[in-house]
Amino acid sequence: MSINSCYEAIGRYNALKVSLSNVVGQLNSAHSKLSPVPGTILSAYSVNDNKTPIVGRVEALDKDIADTASYITKTIIPAIDRAISQKRKEIIQLQQEGS
């Protein structure tokens, strides 16, 4: 592996982080817009004062969106940061070998 290829990999990792951060922002936006929907549906449509299956589905979808954003933020992005750190260590090692 060359120093240039390490820098290229770091660039790709950084671009991926930016894209994932945008995705997280969109997921968080969707979550904030979706979270009041079950209450709205329940107030307009219920059967014997019980929530309907659609309310449960919307709640599940909202939870899935929030969980996905959290997973990207807490697991994927830190893994990318570790990979970037590893590439920087490789660069230092390659520079020392070249000296």
PDB file of N, CA and C in Angstrom:
ATOM      1  N   MET A   1       0.852  -1.175   0.000  1.00  0.00           N
ATOM      2  CA  MET A   1       0.000   0.000   0.000  1.00  0.00           C
ATOM      3  C   MET A   1       0.898   1.238   0.000  1.00  0.00           C
ATOM      4  N   SER A   2       0.528   2.211  -0.804  1.00  0.00           N
ATOM      5  CA  SER A   2       1.308   3.440  -0.885  1.00  0.00           C
ATOM      6  C   SER A   2       0.683   4.535  -0.031  1.00  0.00           C
ATOM      7  N   ILE A   3       1.472   5.567   0.205  1.00  0.00           N
ATOM      8  CA  ILE A   3       0.970   6.701   0.978  1.00  0.00           C
ATOM      9  C   ILE A   3      -0.205   7.352   0.245  1.00  0.00           C
ATOM     10  N   ASN A   4      -0.071   7.481  -1.071  1.00  0.00           N
ATOM     11  CA  ASN A   4      -1.162   8.091  -1.856  1.00  0.00           C
ATOM     12  C   ASN A   4      -2.452   7.285  -1.755  1.00  0.00           C
ATOM     13  N   SER A   5      -2.332   5.960  -1.801  1.00  0.00           N
ATOM     14  CA  SER A   5      -3.546   5.141  -1.702  1.00  0.00           C
ATOM     15  C   SER A   5      -4.181   5.269  -0.318  1.00  0.00           C
ATOM     16  N   CYS A   6      -3.359   5.469   0.707  1.00  0.00           N
ATOM     17  CA  CYS A   6      -3.901   5.705   2.054  1.00  0.00           C
ATOM     18  C   CYS A   6      -4.669   7.026   2.088  1.00  0.00           C
ATOM     19  N   TYR A   7      -4.084   8.062   1.498  1.00  0.00           N
ATOM     20  CA  TYR A   7      -4.785   9.352   1.451  1.00  0.00           C
ATOM     21  C   TYR A   7      -6.079   9.256   0.644  1.00  0.00           C
ATOM     22  N   GLU A   8      -6.057   8.479  -0.444  1.00  0.00           N
ATOM     23  CA  GLU A   8      -7.274   8.289  -1.233  1.00  0.00           C
ATOM     24  C   GLU A   8      -8.347   7.565  -0.413  1.00  0.00           C
ATOM     25  N   ALA A   9      -7.929   6.562   0.345  1.00  0.00           N
ATOM     26  CA  ALA A   9      -8.870   5.835   1.195  1.00  0.00           C
ATOM     27  C   ALA A   9      -9.449   6.767   2.255  1.00  0.00           C
ATOM     28  N   ILE A  10      -8.615   7.597   2.852  1.00  0.00           N
ATOM     29  CA  ILE A  10      -9.098   8.562   3.848  1.00  0.00           C
ATOM     30  C   ILE A  10     -10.113   9.498   3.212  1.00  0.00           C
ATOM     31  N   GLY A  11      -9.856   9.944   1.998  1.00  0.00           N
ATOM     32  CA  GLY A  11     -10.800  10.808   1.290  1.00  0.00           C
ATOM     33  C   GLY A  11     -12.136  10.122   1.063  1.00  0.00           C
ATOM     34  N   ARG A  12     -12.086   8.845   0.681  1.00  0.00           N
ATOM     35  CA  ARG A  12     -13.328   8.091   0.479  1.00  0.00           C
ATOM     36  C   ARG A  12     -14.074   7.905   1.802  1.00  0.00           C
ATOM     37  N   TYR A  13     -13.326   7.601   2.852  1.00  0.00           N
ATOM     38  CA  TYR A  13     -13.960   7.458   4.171  1.00  0.00           C
ATOM     39  C   TYR A  13     -14.618   8.771   4.604  1.00  0.00           C
ATOM     40  N   ASN A  14     -13.928   9.875   4.399  1.00  0.00           N
ATOM     41  CA  ASN A  14     -14.507  11.170   4.779  1.00  0.00           C
ATOM     42  C   ASN A  14     -15.759  11.485   3.961  1.00  0.00           C
ATOM     43  N   ALA A  15     -15.725  11.161   2.673  1.00  0.00           N
ATOM     44  CA  ALA A  15     -16.905  11.377   1.828  1.00  0.00           C
ATOM     45  C   ALA A  15     -18.068  10.501   2.308  1.00  0.00           C
ATOM     46  N   LEU A  16     -17.758   9.278   2.699  1.00  0.00           N
ATOM     47  CA  LEU A  16     -18.794   8.384   3.220  1.00  0.00           C
ATOM     48  C   LEU A  16     -19.375   8.933   4.517  1.00  0.00           C
ATOM     49  N   LYS A  17     -18.507   9.468   5.379  1.00  0.00           N
ATOM     50  CA  LYS A  17     -18.993  10.060   6.631  1.00  0.00           C
ATOM     51  C   LYS A  17     -19.935  11.228   6.364  1.00  0.00           C
ATOM     52  N   VAL A  18     -19.595  12.068   5.396  1.00  0.00           N
ATOM     53  CA  VAL A  18     -20.452  13.196   5.055  1.00  0.00           C
ATOM     54  C   VAL A  18     -21.803  12.691   4.553  1.00  0.00           C
ATOM     55  N   SER A  19     -21.779  11.697   3.688  1.00  0.00           N
ATOM     56  CA  SER A  19     -23.038  11.139   3.165  1.00  0.00           C
ATOM     57  C   SER A  19     -23.876  10.525   4.283  1.00  0.00           C
ATOM     58  N   LEU A  20     -23.227   9.782   5.154  1.00  0.00           N
ATOM     59  CA  LEU A  20     -23.960   9.169   6.265  1.00  0.00           C
ATOM     60  C   LEU A  20     -24.499  10.216   7.228  1.00  0.00           C
ATOM     61  N   SER A  21     -23.750  11.278   7.448  1.00  0.00           N
ATOM     62  CA  SER A  21     -24.244  12.356   8.311  1.00  0.00           C
ATOM     63  C   SER A  21     -25.484  13.004   7.698  1.00  0.00           C
ATOM     64  N   ASN A  22     -25.483  13.155   6.374  1.00  0.00           N
ATOM     65  CA  ASN A  22     -26.670  13.677   5.693  1.00  0.00           C
ATOM     66  C   ASN A  22     -27.857  12.723   5.838  1.00  0.00           C
ATOM     67  N   VAL A  23     -27.592  11.433   5.718  1.00  0.00           N
ATOM     68  CA  VAL A  23     -28.646  10.436   5.883  1.00  0.00           C
ATOM     69  C   VAL A  23     -29.209  10.511   7.298  1.00  0.00           C
ATOM     70  N   VAL A  24     -28.324  10.606   8.298  1.00  0.00           N
ATOM     71  CA  VAL A  24     -28.778  10.707   9.686  1.00  0.00           C
ATOM     72  C   VAL A  24     -29.647  11.954   9.868  1.00  0.00           C
ATOM     73  N   GLY A  25     -29.247  13.055   9.275  1.00  0.00           N
ATOM     74  CA  GLY A  25     -30.051  14.273   9.360  1.00  0.00           C
ATOM     75  C   GLY A  25     -31.429  14.083   8.761  1.00  0.00           C
ATOM     76  N   GLN A  26     -31.487  13.411   7.625  1.00  0.00           N
ATOM     77  CA  GLN A  26     -32.784  13.154   6.986  1.00  0.00           C
ATOM     78  C   GLN A  26     -33.623  12.176   7.807  1.00  0.00           C
ATOM     79  N   LEU A  27     -32.980  11.167   8.375  1.00  0.00           N
ATOM     80  CA  LEU A  27     -33.706  10.227   9.231  1.00  0.00           C
ATOM     81  C   LEU A  27     -34.251  10.922  10.469  1.00  0.00           C
ATOM     82  N   ASN A  28     -33.441  11.780  11.068  1.00  0.00           N
ATOM     83  CA  ASN A  28     -33.905  12.514  12.248  1.00  0.00           C
ATOM     84  C   ASN A  28     -35.066  13.450  11.898  1.00  0.00           C
ATOM     85  N   SER A  29     -34.998  14.047  10.720  1.00  0.00           N
ATOM     86  CA  SER A  29     -36.086  14.902  10.264  1.00  0.00           C
ATOM     87  C   SER A  29     -37.361  14.089  10.068  1.00  0.00           C
ATOM     88  N   ALA A  30     -37.221  12.924   9.446  1.00  0.00           N
ATOM     89  CA  ALA A  30     -38.381  12.046   9.245  1.00  0.00           C
ATOM     90  C   ALA A  30     -38.957  11.611  10.589  1.00  0.00           C
ATOM     91  N   HIS A  31     -38.081  11.282  11.524  1.00  0.00           N
ATOM     92  CA  HIS A  31     -38.520  10.864  12.859  1.00  0.00           C
ATOM     93  C   HIS A  31     -39.315  11.980  13.541  1.00  0.00           C
ATOM     94  N   SER A  32     -38.809  13.197  13.461  1.00  0.00           N
ATOM     95  CA  SER A  32     -39.512  14.294  14.131  1.00  0.00           C
ATOM     96  C   SER A  32     -40.864  14.592  13.471  1.00  0.00           C
ATOM     97  N   LYS A  33     -40.951  14.368  12.176  1.00  0.00           N
ATOM     98  CA  LYS A  33     -42.227  14.589  11.489  1.00  0.00           C
ATOM     99  C   LYS A  33     -43.198  13.431  11.704  1.00  0.00           C
ATOM    100  N   LEU A  34     -42.666  12.240  11.889  1.00  0.00           N
ATOM    101  CA  LEU A  34     -43.506  11.055  12.011  1.00  0.00           C
ATOM    102  C   LEU A  34     -43.970  10.799  13.438  1.00  0.00           C
ATOM    103  N   SER A  35     -43.214  11.249  14.409  1.00  0.00           N
ATOM    104  CA  SER A  35     -43.549  10.908  15.799  1.00  0.00           C
ATOM    105  C   SER A  35     -44.929  11.398  16.259  1.00  0.00           C
ATOM    106  N   PRO A  36     -45.444  12.536  15.801  1.00  0.00           N
ATOM    107  CA  PRO A  36     -46.795  12.904  16.251  1.00  0.00           C
ATOM    108  C   PRO A  36     -47.928  12.209  15.478  1.00  0.00           C
ATOM    109  N   VAL A  37     -47.614  11.514  14.409  1.00  0.00           N
ATOM    110  CA  VAL A  37     -48.641  10.916  13.558  1.00  0.00           C
ATOM    111  C   VAL A  37     -49.501   9.879  14.296  1.00  0.00           C
ATOM    112  N   PRO A  38     -48.930   8.969  15.094  1.00  0.00           N
ATOM    113  CA  PRO A  38     -49.800   8.006  15.781  1.00  0.00           C
ATOM    114  C   PRO A  38     -50.867   8.681  16.648  1.00  0.00           C
ATOM    115  N   GLY A  39     -50.491   9.729  17.347  1.00  0.00           N
ATOM    116  CA  GLY A  39     -51.477  10.448  18.161  1.00  0.00           C
ATOM    117  C   GLY A  39     -52.555  11.088  17.318  1.00  0.00           C
ATOM    118  N   THR A  40     -52.160  11.633  16.187  1.00  0.00           N
ATOM    119  CA  THR A  40     -53.128  12.247  15.277  1.00  0.00           C
ATOM    120  C   THR A  40     -54.096  11.201  14.736  1.00  0.00           C
ATOM    121  N   ILE A  41     -53.554  10.064  14.336  1.00  0.00           N
ATOM    122  CA  ILE A  41     -54.414   8.988  13.816  1.00  0.00           C
ATOM    123  C   ILE A  41     -55.339   8.494  14.919  1.00  0.00           C
ATOM    124  N   LEU A  42     -54.787   8.281  16.105  1.00  0.00           N
ATOM    125  CA  LEU A  42     -55.582   7.763  17.218  1.00  0.00           C
ATOM    126  C   LEU A  42     -56.717   8.706  17.588  1.00  0.00           C
ATOM    127  N   SER A  43     -56.452  10.005  17.528  1.00  0.00           N
ATOM    128  CA  SER A  43     -57.512  10.956  17.877  1.00  0.00           C
ATOM    129  C   SER A  43     -58.605  11.002  16.817  1.00  0.00           C
ATOM    130  N   ALA A  44     -58.258  10.648  15.579  1.00  0.00           N
ATOM    131  CA  ALA A  44     -59.245  10.703  14.501  1.00  0.00           C
ATOM    132  C   ALA A  44     -59.872   9.352  14.208  1.00  0.00           C
ATOM    133  N   TYR A  45     -59.177   8.277  14.574  1.00  0.00           N
ATOM    134  CA  TYR A  45     -59.637   6.958  14.151  1.00  0.00           C
ATOM    135  C   TYR A  45     -59.229   5.919  15.188  1.00  0.00           C
ATOM    136  N   SER A  46     -60.194   5.373  15.865  1.00  0.00           N
ATOM    137  CA  SER A  46     -59.944   4.286  16.813  1.00  0.00           C
ATOM    138  C   SER A  46     -61.136   3.353  16.807  1.00  0.00           C
ATOM    139  N   VAL A  47     -60.921   2.169  17.312  1.00  0.00           N
ATOM    140  CA  VAL A  47     -61.985   1.181  17.389  1.00  0.00           C
ATOM    141  C   VAL A  47     -62.162   0.847  18.867  1.00  0.00           C
ATOM    142  N   ASN A  48     -63.331   1.179  19.404  1.00  0.00           N
ATOM    143  CA  ASN A  48     -63.613   0.953  20.824  1.00  0.00           C
ATOM    144  C   ASN A  48     -62.528   1.561  21.716  1.00  0.00           C
ATOM    145  N   ASP A  49     -62.100   2.753  21.375  1.00  0.00           N
ATOM    146  CA  ASP A  49     -61.045   3.478  22.101  1.00  0.00           C
ATOM    147  C   ASP A  49     -59.695   2.759  22.123  1.00  0.00           C
ATOM    148  N   ASN A  50     -59.503   1.824  21.237  1.00  0.00           N
ATOM    149  CA  ASN A  50     -58.215   1.138  21.108  1.00  0.00           C
ATOM    150  C   ASN A  50     -57.517   1.608  19.847  1.00  0.00           C
ATOM    151  N   LYS A  51     -56.191   1.585  19.883  1.00  0.00           N
ATOM    152  CA  LYS A  51     -55.479   1.984  18.665  1.00  0.00           C
ATOM    153  C   LYS A  51     -55.635   0.912  17.598  1.00  0.00           C
ATOM    154  N   THR A  52     -55.621   1.362  16.372  1.00  0.00           N
ATOM    155  CA  THR A  52     -55.810   0.472  15.233  1.00  0.00           C
ATOM    156  C   THR A  52     -54.454  -0.034  14.760  1.00  0.00           C
ATOM    157  N   PRO A  53     -54.447  -1.061  13.928  1.00  0.00           N
ATOM    158  CA  PRO A  53     -53.170  -1.597  13.448  1.00  0.00           C
ATOM    159  C   PRO A  53     -52.293  -0.547  12.757  1.00  0.00           C
ATOM    160  N   ILE A  54     -52.890   0.412  12.093  1.00  0.00           N
ATOM    161  CA  ILE A  54     -52.084   1.425  11.408  1.00  0.00           C
ATOM    162  C   ILE A  54     -51.261   2.236  12.402  1.00  0.00           C
ATOM    163  N   VAL A  55     -51.813   2.483  13.580  1.00  0.00           N
ATOM    164  CA  VAL A  55     -51.074   3.223  14.600  1.00  0.00           C
ATOM    165  C   VAL A  55     -49.842   2.428  15.017  1.00  0.00           C
ATOM    166  N   GLY A  56     -50.009   1.143  15.228  1.00  0.00           N
ATOM    167  CA  GLY A  56     -48.877   0.287  15.588  1.00  0.00           C
ATOM    168  C   GLY A  56     -47.821   0.248  14.500  1.00  0.00           C
ATOM    169  N   ARG A  57     -48.255   0.227  13.256  1.00  0.00           N
ATOM    170  CA  ARG A  57     -47.305   0.210  12.141  1.00  0.00           C
ATOM    171  C   ARG A  57     -46.526   1.517  12.049  1.00  0.00           C
ATOM    172  N   VAL A  58     -47.215   2.623  12.246  1.00  0.00           N
ATOM    173  CA  VAL A  58     -46.544   3.930  12.199  1.00  0.00           C
ATOM    174  C   VAL A  58     -45.560   4.047  13.360  1.00  0.00           C
ATOM    175  N   GLU A  59     -45.968   3.573  14.536  1.00  0.00           N
ATOM    176  CA  GLU A  59     -45.048   3.601  15.691  1.00  0.00           C
ATOM    177  C   GLU A  59     -43.817   2.738  15.428  1.00  0.00           C
ATOM    178  N   ALA A  60     -44.020   1.573  14.836  1.00  0.00           N
ATOM    179  CA  ALA A  60     -42.896   0.683  14.512  1.00  0.00           C
ATOM    180  C   ALA A  60     -41.978   1.318  13.474  1.00  0.00           C
ATOM    181  N   LEU A  61     -42.558   1.942  12.471  1.00  0.00           N
ATOM    182  CA  LEU A  61     -41.766   2.621  11.454  1.00  0.00           C
ATOM    183  C   LEU A  61     -40.955   3.749  12.068  1.00  0.00           C
ATOM    184  N   ASP A  62     -41.586   4.536  12.926  1.00  0.00           N
ATOM    185  CA  ASP A  62     -40.900   5.643  13.596  1.00  0.00           C
ATOM    186  C   ASP A  62     -39.740   5.123  14.442  1.00  0.00           C
ATOM    187  N   LYS A  63     -39.968   4.037  15.164  1.00  0.00           N
ATOM    188  CA  LYS A  63     -38.900   3.447  15.988  1.00  0.00           C
ATOM    189  C   LYS A  63     -37.765   2.935  15.104  1.00  0.00           C
ATOM    190  N   ASP A  64     -38.104   2.309  13.998  1.00  0.00           N
ATOM    191  CA  ASP A  64     -37.092   1.789  13.079  1.00  0.00           C
ATOM    192  C   ASP A  64     -36.233   2.931  12.515  1.00  0.00           C
ATOM    193  N   ILE A  65     -36.866   4.021  12.164  1.00  0.00           N
ATOM    194  CA  ILE A  65     -36.138   5.184  11.648  1.00  0.00           C
ATOM    195  C   ILE A  65     -35.187   5.723  12.713  1.00  0.00           C
ATOM    196  N   ALA A  66     -35.678   5.891  13.933  1.00  0.00           N
ATOM    197  CA  ALA A  66     -34.837   6.402  15.028  1.00  0.00           C
ATOM    198  C   ALA A  66     -33.696   5.434  15.334  1.00  0.00           C
ATOM    199  N   ASP A  67     -33.985   4.133  15.347  1.00  0.00           N
ATOM    200  CA  ASP A  67     -32.946   3.136  15.619  1.00  0.00           C
ATOM    201  C   ASP A  67     -31.877   3.119  14.526  1.00  0.00           C
ATOM    202  N   THR A  68     -32.288   3.288  13.289  1.00  0.00           N
ATOM    203  CA  THR A  68     -31.332   3.310  12.182  1.00  0.00           C
ATOM    204  C   THR A  68     -30.408   4.522  12.295  1.00  0.00           C
ATOM    205  N   ALA A  69     -30.967   5.682  12.587  1.00  0.00           N
ATOM    206  CA  ALA A  69     -30.152   6.885  12.765  1.00  0.00           C
ATOM    207  C   ALA A  69     -29.172   6.697  13.914  1.00  0.00           C
ATOM    208  N   SER A  70     -29.639   6.122  14.997  1.00  0.00           N
ATOM    209  CA  SER A  70     -28.783   5.885  16.152  1.00  0.00           C
ATOM    210  C   SER A  70     -27.663   4.897  15.816  1.00  0.00           C
ATOM    211  N   TYR A  71     -27.975   3.841  15.104  1.00  0.00           N
ATOM    212  CA  TYR A  71     -26.967   2.844  14.723  1.00  0.00           C
ATOM    213  C   TYR A  71     -25.883   3.456  13.843  1.00  0.00           C
ATOM    214  N   ILE A  72     -26.293   4.247  12.888  1.00  0.00           N
ATOM    215  CA  ILE A  72     -25.314   4.907  12.020  1.00  0.00           C
ATOM    216  C   ILE A  72     -24.423   5.825  12.848  1.00  0.00           C
ATOM    217  N   THR A  73     -25.030   6.599  13.749  1.00  0.00           N
ATOM    218  CA  THR A  73     -24.293   7.568  14.552  1.00  0.00           C
ATOM    219  C   THR A  73     -23.364   6.906  15.559  1.00  0.00           C
ATOM    220  N   LYS A  74     -23.844   5.858  16.209  1.00  0.00           N
ATOM    221  CA  LYS A  74     -23.089   5.264  17.310  1.00  0.00           C
ATOM    222  C   LYS A  74     -22.198   4.093  16.909  1.00  0.00           C
ATOM    223  N   THR A  75     -22.446   3.488  15.739  1.00  0.00           N
ATOM    224  CA  THR A  75     -21.685   2.310  15.341  1.00  0.00           C
ATOM    225  C   THR A  75     -20.909   2.519  14.040  1.00  0.00           C
ATOM    226  N   ILE A  76     -21.612   2.943  13.006  1.00  0.00           N
ATOM    227  CA  ILE A  76     -20.989   3.020  11.684  1.00  0.00           C
ATOM    228  C   ILE A  76     -19.972   4.163  11.606  1.00  0.00           C
ATOM    229  N   ILE A  77     -20.378   5.361  12.011  1.00  0.00           N
ATOM    230  CA  ILE A  77     -19.471   6.505  11.904  1.00  0.00           C
ATOM    231  C   ILE A  77     -18.230   6.320  12.785  1.00  0.00           C
ATOM    232  N   PRO A  78     -18.360   5.825  14.029  1.00  0.00           N
ATOM    233  CA  PRO A  78     -17.137   5.559  14.799  1.00  0.00           C
ATOM    234  C   PRO A  78     -16.232   4.507  14.144  1.00  0.00           C
ATOM    235  N   ALA A  79     -16.812   3.519  13.471  1.00  0.00           N
ATOM    236  CA  ALA A  79     -16.006   2.524  12.767  1.00  0.00           C
ATOM    237  C   ALA A  79     -15.240   3.177  11.616  1.00  0.00           C
ATOM    238  N   ILE A  80     -15.872   4.105  10.937  1.00  0.00           N
ATOM    239  CA  ILE A  80     -15.192   4.840   9.864  1.00  0.00           C
ATOM    240  C   ILE A  80     -14.062   5.681  10.451  1.00  0.00           C
ATOM    241  N   ASP A  81     -14.314   6.315  11.589  1.00  0.00           N
ATOM    242  CA  ASP A  81     -13.263   7.096  12.254  1.00  0.00           C
ATOM    243  C   ASP A  81     -12.066   6.211  12.619  1.00  0.00           C
ATOM    244  N   ARG A  82     -12.340   5.001  13.087  1.00  0.00           N
ATOM    245  CA  ARG A  82     -11.244   4.076  13.420  1.00  0.00           C
ATOM    246  C   ARG A  82     -10.468   3.682  12.163  1.00  0.00           C
ATOM    247  N   ALA A  83     -11.176   3.470  11.070  1.00  0.00           N
ATOM    248  CA  ALA A  83     -10.508   3.121   9.809  1.00  0.00           C
ATOM    249  C   ALA A  83      -9.636   4.275   9.322  1.00  0.00           C
ATOM    250  N   ILE A  84     -10.131   5.498   9.468  1.00  0.00           N
ATOM    251  CA  ILE A  84      -9.330   6.669   9.092  1.00  0.00           C
ATOM    252  C   ILE A  84      -8.092   6.747   9.959  1.00  0.00           C
ATOM    253  N   SER A  85      -8.254   6.534  11.245  1.00  0.00           N
ATOM    254  CA  SER A  85      -7.122   6.549  12.172  1.00  0.00           C
ATOM    255  C   SER A  85      -6.091   5.486  11.790  1.00  0.00           C
ATOM    256  N   GLN A  86      -6.577   4.316  11.413  1.00  0.00           N
ATOM    257  CA  GLN A  86      -5.670   3.241  10.997  1.00  0.00           C
ATOM    258  C   GLN A  86      -4.910   3.633   9.735  1.00  0.00           C
ATOM    259  N   LYS A  87      -5.577   4.264   8.798  1.00  0.00           N
ATOM    260  CA  LYS A  87      -4.898   4.705   7.572  1.00  0.00           C
ATOM    261  C   LYS A  87      -3.831   5.758   7.892  1.00  0.00           C
ATOM    262  N   ARG A  88      -4.121   6.636   8.838  1.00  0.00           N
ATOM    263  CA  ARG A  88      -3.126   7.641   9.226  1.00  0.00           C
ATOM    264  C   ARG A  88      -1.909   6.970   9.855  1.00  0.00           C
ATOM    265  N   LYS A  89      -2.136   5.922  10.645  1.00  0.00           N
ATOM    266  CA  LYS A  89      -1.017   5.165  11.232  1.00  0.00           C
ATOM    267  C   LYS A  89      -0.198   4.495  10.131  1.00  0.00           C
ATOM    268  N   GLU A  90      -0.891   3.970   9.130  1.00  0.00           N
ATOM    269  CA  GLU A  90      -0.193   3.351   7.997  1.00  0.00           C
ATOM    270  C   GLU A  90       0.671   4.382   7.270  1.00  0.00           C
ATOM    271  N   ILE A  91       0.135   5.581   7.109  1.00  0.00           N
ATOM    272  CA  ILE A  91       0.909   6.648   6.443  1.00  0.00           C
ATOM    273  C   ILE A  91       2.186   6.931   7.231  1.00  0.00           C
ATOM    274  N   ILE A  92       2.071   7.072   8.533  1.00  0.00           N
ATOM    275  CA  ILE A  92       3.236   7.338   9.384  1.00  0.00           C
ATOM    276  C   ILE A  92       4.244   6.202   9.256  1.00  0.00           C
ATOM    277  N   GLN A  93       3.737   4.974   9.295  1.00  0.00           N
ATOM    278  CA  GLN A  93       4.620   3.818   9.164  1.00  0.00           C
ATOM    279  C   GLN A  93       5.332   3.804   7.820  1.00  0.00           C
ATOM    280  N   LEU A  94       4.592   4.082   6.752  1.00  0.00           N
ATOM    281  CA  LEU A  94       5.193   4.112   5.416  1.00  0.00           C
ATOM    282  C   LEU A  94       6.228   5.238   5.292  1.00  0.00           C
ATOM    283  N   GLN A  95       5.930   6.367   5.911  1.00  0.00           N
ATOM    284  CA  GLN A  95       6.881   7.482   5.885  1.00  0.00           C
ATOM    285  C   GLN A  95       8.156   7.126   6.629  1.00  0.00           C
ATOM    286  N   GLN A  96       8.023   6.431   7.754  1.00  0.00           N
ATOM    287  CA  GLN A  96       9.205   6.025   8.521  1.00  0.00           C
ATOM    288  C   GLN A  96      10.020   4.990   7.775  1.00  0.00           C
ATOM    289  N   GLU A  97       9.356   4.090   7.064  1.00  0.00           N
ATOM    290  CA  GLU A  97      10.063   3.094   6.284  1.00  0.00           C
ATOM    291  C   GLU A  97      10.790   3.725   5.108  1.00  0.00           C
ATOM    292  N   GLY A  98      10.225   4.786   4.579  1.00  0.00           N
ATOM    293  CA  GLY A  98      10.828   5.472   3.432  1.00  0.00           C
ATOM    294  C   GLY A  98      11.986   6.375   3.809  1.00  0.00           C
ATOM    295  N   SER A  99      12.107   6.705   5.089  1.00  0.00           N
ATOM    296  CA  SER A  99      13.182   7.624   5.530  1.00  0.00           C
ATOM    297  C   SER A  99      14.514   6.954   5.586  1.00  0.00           C
TER     298      SER A  99
END
